[in-house]
Every structure is written in structure tokens, then in C-alpha cells.
Amino acid sequence: STALMCSTVTISRGGYRGVLLAAIGLMLLAD
């Protein structure tokens, strides 16, 4: 659920690097 939230978030300044890495990391943990 947290990975999905990180993956679908929209950041106004475009700093998606941390958010995408968190989403992938949490997804790999859940999988």
C-alpha cells in the first residue's frame, strides 16, 4: 500500500527520485 502511494504521488517540483526508489524498494519487500 505504501509502495502504491509512493508510485502514484505527484510532486510539484519534480523530485521523484526518492519516491520512485521507495516505491520499488517497498514493492520488492512485499513481493
PDB file of all heavy atoms in Angstrom:
ATOM      1  N   SER A   1       0.829  -1.206   0.000  1.00  0.00           N
ATOM      2  CA  SER A   1       0.000   0.000   0.000  1.00  0.00           C
ATOM      3  C   SER A   1       0.864   1.257   0.000  1.00  0.00           C
ATOM      4  O   SER A   1       0.586   2.213  -0.730  1.00  0.00           O
ATOM      5  CB  SER A   1      -0.921   0.011   1.218  1.00  0.00           C
ATOM      6  OG  SER A   1      -1.795  -1.073   1.185  1.00  0.00           O
ATOM      7  N   THR A   2       1.916   1.250   0.805  1.00  0.00           N
ATOM      8  CA  THR A   2       2.816   2.394   0.837  1.00  0.00           C
ATOM      9  C   THR A   2       3.550   2.533  -0.494  1.00  0.00           C
ATOM     10  O   THR A   2       3.761   3.650  -0.988  1.00  0.00           O
ATOM     11  CB  THR A   2       3.825   2.247   1.990  1.00  0.00           C
ATOM     12  OG1 THR A   2       3.108   2.012   3.196  1.00  0.00           O
ATOM     13  CG2 THR A   2       4.658   3.495   2.145  1.00  0.00           C
ATOM     14  N   ALA A   3       3.923   1.417  -1.095  1.00  0.00           N
ATOM     15  CA  ALA A   3       4.580   1.466  -2.405  1.00  0.00           C
ATOM     16  C   ALA A   3       3.642   2.054  -3.461  1.00  0.00           C
ATOM     17  O   ALA A   3       4.069   2.856  -4.296  1.00  0.00           O
ATOM     18  CB  ALA A   3       5.036   0.071  -2.816  1.00  0.00           C
ATOM     19  N   LEU A   4       2.370   1.675  -3.414  1.00  0.00           N
ATOM     20  CA  LEU A   4       1.401   2.240  -4.365  1.00  0.00           C
ATOM     21  C   LEU A   4       1.226   3.734  -4.147  1.00  0.00           C
ATOM     22  O   LEU A   4       1.111   4.500  -5.095  1.00  0.00           O
ATOM     23  CB  LEU A   4       0.060   1.528  -4.247  1.00  0.00           C
ATOM     24  CG  LEU A   4      -0.060   0.240  -5.025  1.00  0.00           C
ATOM     25  CD1 LEU A   4      -1.362  -0.472  -4.660  1.00  0.00           C
ATOM     26  CD2 LEU A   4      -0.012   0.500  -6.500  1.00  0.00           C
ATOM     27  N   MET A   5       1.183   4.148  -2.878  1.00  0.00           N
ATOM     28  CA  MET A   5       1.059   5.584  -2.597  1.00  0.00           C
ATOM     29  C   MET A   5       2.274   6.341  -3.122  1.00  0.00           C
ATOM     30  O   MET A   5       2.132   7.420  -3.686  1.00  0.00           O
ATOM     31  CB  MET A   5       0.889   5.819  -1.096  1.00  0.00           C
ATOM     32  CG  MET A   5      -0.485   5.475  -0.585  1.00  0.00           C
ATOM     33  SD  MET A   5      -0.716   5.944   1.128  1.00  0.00           S
ATOM     34  CE  MET A   5       0.027   4.561   1.961  1.00  0.00           C
ATOM     35  N   CYS A   6       3.455   5.775  -2.923  1.00  0.00           N
ATOM     36  CA  CYS A   6       4.677   6.434  -3.421  1.00  0.00           C
ATOM     37  C   CYS A   6       4.697   6.472  -4.943  1.00  0.00           C
ATOM     38  O   CYS A   6       5.186   7.430  -5.536  1.00  0.00           O
ATOM     39  CB  CYS A   6       5.916   5.705  -2.911  1.00  0.00           C
ATOM     40  SG  CYS A   6       6.239   5.936  -1.165  1.00  0.00           S
ATOM     41  N   SER A   7       4.160   5.442  -5.562  1.00  0.00           N
ATOM     42  CA  SER A   7       4.199   5.367  -7.015  1.00  0.00           C
ATOM     43  C   SER A   7       3.213   6.331  -7.668  1.00  0.00           C
ATOM     44  O   SER A   7       3.468   6.819  -8.768  1.00  0.00           O
ATOM     45  CB  SER A   7       3.896   3.942  -7.462  1.00  0.00           C
ATOM     46  OG  SER A   7       3.990   3.835  -8.850  1.00  0.00           O
ATOM     47  N   THR A   8       2.114   6.610  -7.015  1.00  0.00           N
ATOM     48  CA  THR A   8       1.088   7.450  -7.630  1.00  0.00           C
ATOM     49  C   THR A   8       1.151   8.905  -7.189  1.00  0.00           C
ATOM     50  O   THR A   8       0.345   9.705  -7.632  1.00  0.00           O
ATOM     51  CB  THR A   8      -0.317   6.908  -7.311  1.00  0.00           C
ATOM     52  OG1 THR A   8      -0.482   6.859  -5.894  1.00  0.00           O
ATOM     53  CG2 THR A   8      -0.515   5.536  -7.905  1.00  0.00           C
ATOM     54  N   VAL A   9       2.102   9.251  -6.345  1.00  0.00           N
ATOM     55  CA  VAL A   9       2.185  10.618  -5.845  1.00  0.00           C
ATOM     56  C   VAL A   9       2.648  11.559  -6.955  1.00  0.00           C
ATOM     57  O   VAL A   9       3.400  11.178  -7.845  1.00  0.00           O
ATOM     58  CB  VAL A   9       3.130  10.689  -4.614  1.00  0.00           C
ATOM     59  CG1 VAL A   9       4.569  10.500  -5.031  1.00  0.00           C
ATOM     60  CG2 VAL A   9       2.956  11.989  -3.881  1.00  0.00           C
ATOM     61  N   THR A  10       2.159  12.781  -6.914  1.00  0.00           N
ATOM     62  CA  THR A  10       2.584  13.810  -7.854  1.00  0.00           C
ATOM     63  C   THR A  10       3.283  14.899  -7.058  1.00  0.00           C
ATOM     64  O   THR A  10       2.720  15.452  -6.124  1.00  0.00           O
ATOM     65  CB  THR A  10       1.382  14.414  -8.600  1.00  0.00           C
ATOM     66  OG1 THR A  10       0.726  13.362  -9.288  1.00  0.00           O
ATOM     67  CG2 THR A  10       1.819  15.476  -9.570  1.00  0.00           C
ATOM     68  N   ILE A  11       4.509  15.184  -7.426  1.00  0.00           N
ATOM     69  CA  ILE A  11       5.301  16.182  -6.717  1.00  0.00           C
ATOM     70  C   ILE A  11       5.430  17.399  -7.609  1.00  0.00           C
ATOM     71  O   ILE A  11       5.792  17.289  -8.786  1.00  0.00           O
ATOM     72  CB  ILE A  11       6.690  15.619  -6.349  1.00  0.00           C
ATOM     73  CG1 ILE A  11       6.515  14.414  -5.442  1.00  0.00           C
ATOM     74  CG2 ILE A  11       7.548  16.674  -5.684  1.00  0.00           C
ATOM     75  CD1 ILE A  11       7.799  13.691  -5.131  1.00  0.00           C
ATOM     76  N   SER A  12       5.156  18.579  -7.068  1.00  0.00           N
ATOM     77  CA  SER A  12       5.142  19.787  -7.891  1.00  0.00           C
ATOM     78  C   SER A  12       6.531  20.181  -8.376  1.00  0.00           C
ATOM     79  O   SER A  12       6.674  20.759  -9.441  1.00  0.00           O
ATOM     80  CB  SER A  12       4.526  20.944  -7.104  1.00  0.00           C
ATOM     81  OG  SER A  12       5.295  21.220  -5.954  1.00  0.00           O
ATOM     82  N   ARG A  13       7.575  19.849  -7.630  1.00  0.00           N
ATOM     83  CA  ARG A  13       8.920  20.253  -8.030  1.00  0.00           C
ATOM     84  C   ARG A  13       9.623  19.182  -8.858  1.00  0.00           C
ATOM     85  O   ARG A  13      10.728  19.382  -9.309  1.00  0.00           O
ATOM     86  CB  ARG A  13       9.748  20.574  -6.800  1.00  0.00           C
ATOM     87  CG  ARG A  13       9.198  21.768  -6.081  1.00  0.00           C
ATOM     88  CD  ARG A  13      10.084  22.171  -4.961  1.00  0.00           C
ATOM     89  NE  ARG A  13       9.468  23.302  -4.268  1.00  0.00           N
ATOM     90  CZ  ARG A  13       9.724  23.627  -3.052  1.00  0.00           C
ATOM     91  NH1 ARG A  13      10.574  22.923  -2.348  1.00  0.00           N
ATOM     92  NH2 ARG A  13       9.135  24.654  -2.495  1.00  0.00           N
ATOM     93  N   GLY A  14       9.018  18.027  -9.020  1.00  0.00           N
ATOM     94  CA  GLY A  14       9.602  17.006  -9.878  1.00  0.00           C
ATOM     95  C   GLY A  14      10.689  16.171  -9.233  1.00  0.00           C
ATOM     96  O   GLY A  14      11.453  15.536  -9.935  1.00  0.00           O
ATOM     97  N   GLY A  15      10.777  16.134  -7.913  1.00  0.00           N
ATOM     98  CA  GLY A  15      11.799  15.335  -7.245  1.00  0.00           C
ATOM     99  C   GLY A  15      11.322  13.914  -7.008  1.00  0.00           C
ATOM    100  O   GLY A  15      11.089  13.508  -5.881  1.00  0.00           O
ATOM    101  N   TYR A  16      11.184  13.170  -8.085  1.00  0.00           N
ATOM    102  CA  TYR A  16      10.610  11.822  -7.999  1.00  0.00           C
ATOM    103  C   TYR A  16      11.631  10.741  -7.639  1.00  0.00           C
ATOM    104  O   TYR A  16      11.252   9.605  -7.418  1.00  0.00           O
ATOM    105  CB  TYR A  16       9.974  11.434  -9.338  1.00  0.00           C
ATOM    106  CG  TYR A  16       8.687  12.139  -9.622  1.00  0.00           C
ATOM    107  CD1 TYR A  16       8.629  13.164 -10.549  1.00  0.00           C
ATOM    108  CD2 TYR A  16       7.518  11.764  -8.981  1.00  0.00           C
ATOM    109  CE1 TYR A  16       7.444  13.801 -10.827  1.00  0.00           C
ATOM    110  CE2 TYR A  16       6.329  12.403  -9.240  1.00  0.00           C
ATOM    111  CZ  TYR A  16       6.297  13.424 -10.168  1.00  0.00           C
ATOM    112  OH  TYR A  16       5.124  14.044 -10.428  1.00  0.00           O
ATOM    113  N   ARG A  17      12.891  11.062  -7.584  1.00  0.00           N
ATOM    114  CA  ARG A  17      13.921  10.035  -7.391  1.00  0.00           C
ATOM    115  C   ARG A  17      13.705   9.242  -6.109  1.00  0.00           C
ATOM    116  O   ARG A  17      13.650   8.015  -6.123  1.00  0.00           O
ATOM    117  CB  ARG A  17      15.298  10.668  -7.404  1.00  0.00           C
ATOM    118  CG  ARG A  17      16.414   9.665  -7.286  1.00  0.00           C
ATOM    119  CD  ARG A  17      17.722  10.325  -7.494  1.00  0.00           C
ATOM    120  NE  ARG A  17      17.784  10.740  -8.898  1.00  0.00           N
ATOM    121  CZ  ARG A  17      18.865  11.139  -9.504  1.00  0.00           C
ATOM    122  NH1 ARG A  17      19.986  11.218  -8.833  1.00  0.00           N
ATOM    123  NH2 ARG A  17      18.848  11.487 -10.766  1.00  0.00           N
ATOM    124  N   GLY A  18      13.570   9.915  -4.986  1.00  0.00           N
ATOM    125  CA  GLY A  18      13.378   9.233  -3.702  1.00  0.00           C
ATOM    126  C   GLY A  18      12.064   8.486  -3.630  1.00  0.00           C
ATOM    127  O   GLY A  18      11.979   7.385  -3.068  1.00  0.00           O
ATOM    128  N   VAL A  19      11.037   9.081  -4.203  1.00  0.00           N
ATOM    129  CA  VAL A  19       9.719   8.464  -4.171  1.00  0.00           C
ATOM    130  C   VAL A  19       9.698   7.182  -5.003  1.00  0.00           C
ATOM    131  O   VAL A  19       9.158   6.159  -4.580  1.00  0.00           O
ATOM    132  CB  VAL A  19       8.649   9.463  -4.667  1.00  0.00           C
ATOM    133  CG1 VAL A  19       7.293   8.822  -4.737  1.00  0.00           C
ATOM    134  CG2 VAL A  19       8.601  10.673  -3.764  1.00  0.00           C
ATOM    135  N   LEU A  20      10.300   7.221  -6.177  1.00  0.00           N
ATOM    136  CA  LEU A  20      10.342   6.024  -7.022  1.00  0.00           C
ATOM    137  C   LEU A  20      11.196   4.925  -6.408  1.00  0.00           C
ATOM    138  O   LEU A  20      10.841   3.746  -6.467  1.00  0.00           O
ATOM    139  CB  LEU A  20      10.865   6.367  -8.416  1.00  0.00           C
ATOM    140  CG  LEU A  20       9.892   7.072  -9.349  1.00  0.00           C
ATOM    141  CD1 LEU A  20      10.570   7.388 -10.673  1.00  0.00           C
ATOM    142  CD2 LEU A  20       8.660   6.245  -9.576  1.00  0.00           C
ATOM    143  N   LEU A  21      12.315   5.302  -5.803  1.00  0.00           N
ATOM    144  CA  LEU A  21      13.153   4.298  -5.151  1.00  0.00           C
ATOM    145  C   LEU A  21      12.449   3.681  -3.942  1.00  0.00           C
ATOM    146  O   LEU A  21      12.570   2.476  -3.697  1.00  0.00           O
ATOM    147  CB  LEU A  21      14.495   4.908  -4.746  1.00  0.00           C
ATOM    148  CG  LEU A  21      15.423   5.244  -5.905  1.00  0.00           C
ATOM    149  CD1 LEU A  21      16.673   5.945  -5.399  1.00  0.00           C
ATOM    150  CD2 LEU A  21      15.780   3.996  -6.687  1.00  0.00           C
ATOM    151  N   ALA A  22      11.709   4.500  -3.194  1.00  0.00           N
ATOM    152  CA  ALA A  22      10.938   3.967  -2.064  1.00  0.00           C
ATOM    153  C   ALA A  22       9.856   3.016  -2.555  1.00  0.00           C
ATOM    154  O   ALA A  22       9.622   1.959  -1.957  1.00  0.00           O
ATOM    155  CB  ALA A  22      10.320   5.114  -1.264  1.00  0.00           C
ATOM    156  N   ALA A  23       9.189   3.379  -3.649  1.00  0.00           N
ATOM    157  CA  ALA A  23       8.136   2.522  -4.199  1.00  0.00           C
ATOM    158  C   ALA A  23       8.696   1.181  -4.645  1.00  0.00           C
ATOM    159  O   ALA A  23       8.133   0.122  -4.337  1.00  0.00           O
ATOM    160  CB  ALA A  23       7.435   3.224  -5.360  1.00  0.00           C
ATOM    161  N   ILE A  24       9.822   1.197  -5.346  1.00  0.00           N
ATOM    162  CA  ILE A  24      10.427  -0.054  -5.811  1.00  0.00           C
ATOM    163  C   ILE A  24      10.921  -0.890  -4.631  1.00  0.00           C
ATOM    164  O   ILE A  24      10.733  -2.106  -4.593  1.00  0.00           O
ATOM    165  CB  ILE A  24      11.573   0.238  -6.811  1.00  0.00           C
ATOM    166  CG1 ILE A  24      11.003   0.700  -8.138  1.00  0.00           C
ATOM    167  CG2 ILE A  24      12.461  -0.971  -7.025  1.00  0.00           C
ATOM    168  CD1 ILE A  24      10.224  -0.353  -8.895  1.00  0.00           C
ATOM    169  N   GLY A  25      11.542  -0.247  -3.665  1.00  0.00           N
ATOM    170  CA  GLY A  25      12.048  -0.975  -2.502  1.00  0.00           C
ATOM    171  C   GLY A  25      10.938  -1.634  -1.690  1.00  0.00           C
ATOM    172  O   GLY A  25      11.042  -2.809  -1.312  1.00  0.00           O
ATOM    173  N   LEU A  26       9.879  -0.900  -1.434  1.00  0.00           N
ATOM    174  CA  LEU A  26       8.757  -1.462  -0.681  1.00  0.00           C
ATOM    175  C   LEU A  26       8.033  -2.542  -1.474  1.00  0.00           C
ATOM    176  O   LEU A  26       7.569  -3.533  -0.907  1.00  0.00           O
ATOM    177  CB  LEU A  26       7.788  -0.353  -0.269  1.00  0.00           C
ATOM    178  CG  LEU A  26       8.307   0.569   0.827  1.00  0.00           C
ATOM    179  CD1 LEU A  26       7.418   1.792   0.956  1.00  0.00           C
ATOM    180  CD2 LEU A  26       8.412  -0.167   2.145  1.00  0.00           C
ATOM    181  N   MET A  27       7.948  -2.361  -2.788  1.00  0.00           N
ATOM    182  CA  MET A  27       7.331  -3.387  -3.619  1.00  0.00           C
ATOM    183  C   MET A  27       8.143  -4.675  -3.576  1.00  0.00           C
ATOM    184  O   MET A  27       7.585  -5.766  -3.456  1.00  0.00           O
ATOM    185  CB  MET A  27       7.211  -2.905  -5.060  1.00  0.00           C
ATOM    186  CG  MET A  27       6.581  -3.922  -5.987  1.00  0.00           C
ATOM    187  SD  MET A  27       7.087  -3.751  -7.699  1.00  0.00           S
ATOM    188  CE  MET A  27       8.803  -4.186  -7.638  1.00  0.00           C
ATOM    189  N   LEU A  28       9.462  -4.557  -3.662  1.00  0.00           N
ATOM    190  CA  LEU A  28      10.307  -5.745  -3.609  1.00  0.00           C
ATOM    191  C   LEU A  28      10.201  -6.445  -2.260  1.00  0.00           C
ATOM    192  O   LEU A  28      10.176  -7.679  -2.196  1.00  0.00           O
ATOM    193  CB  LEU A  28      11.761  -5.376  -3.906  1.00  0.00           C
ATOM    194  CG  LEU A  28      12.051  -4.967  -5.354  1.00  0.00           C
ATOM    195  CD1 LEU A  28      13.485  -4.481  -5.480  1.00  0.00           C
ATOM    196  CD2 LEU A  28      11.778  -6.117  -6.298  1.00  0.00           C
ATOM    197  N   LEU A  29      10.103  -5.669  -1.182  1.00  0.00           N
ATOM    198  CA  LEU A  29       9.927  -6.253   0.142  1.00  0.00           C
ATOM    199  C   LEU A  29       8.603  -7.005   0.230  1.00  0.00           C
ATOM    200  O   LEU A  29       8.544  -8.153   0.684  1.00  0.00           O
ATOM    201  CB  LEU A  29       9.992  -5.164   1.211  1.00  0.00           C
ATOM    202  CG  LEU A  29       9.709  -5.597   2.637  1.00  0.00           C
ATOM    203  CD1 LEU A  29      10.814  -6.513   3.136  1.00  0.00           C
ATOM    204  CD2 LEU A  29       9.577  -4.383   3.539  1.00  0.00           C
ATOM    205  N   ALA A  30       7.521  -6.374  -0.228  1.00  0.00           N
ATOM    206  CA  ALA A  30       6.206  -7.016  -0.179  1.00  0.00           C
ATOM    207  C   ALA A  30       6.173  -8.256  -1.073  1.00  0.00           C
ATOM    208  O   ALA A  30       5.608  -9.289  -0.690  1.00  0.00           O
ATOM    209  CB  ALA A  30       5.123  -6.030  -0.609  1.00  0.00           C
ATOM    210  N   ASP A  31       6.780  -8.180  -2.251  1.00  0.00           N
ATOM    211  CA  ASP A  31       6.795  -9.338  -3.147  1.00  0.00           C
ATOM    212  C   ASP A  31       7.619 -10.486  -2.577  1.00  0.00           C
ATOM    213  O   ASP A  31       7.274 -11.656  -2.751  1.00  0.00           O
ATOM    214  CB  ASP A  31       7.326  -8.948  -4.525  1.00  0.00           C
ATOM    215  CG  ASP A  31       6.302  -8.170  -5.329  1.00  0.00           C
ATOM    216  OD1 ASP A  31       5.127  -8.129  -4.923  1.00  0.00           O
ATOM    217  OD2 ASP A  31       6.685  -7.607  -6.368  1.00  0.00           O
TER     218      ASP A  31
END
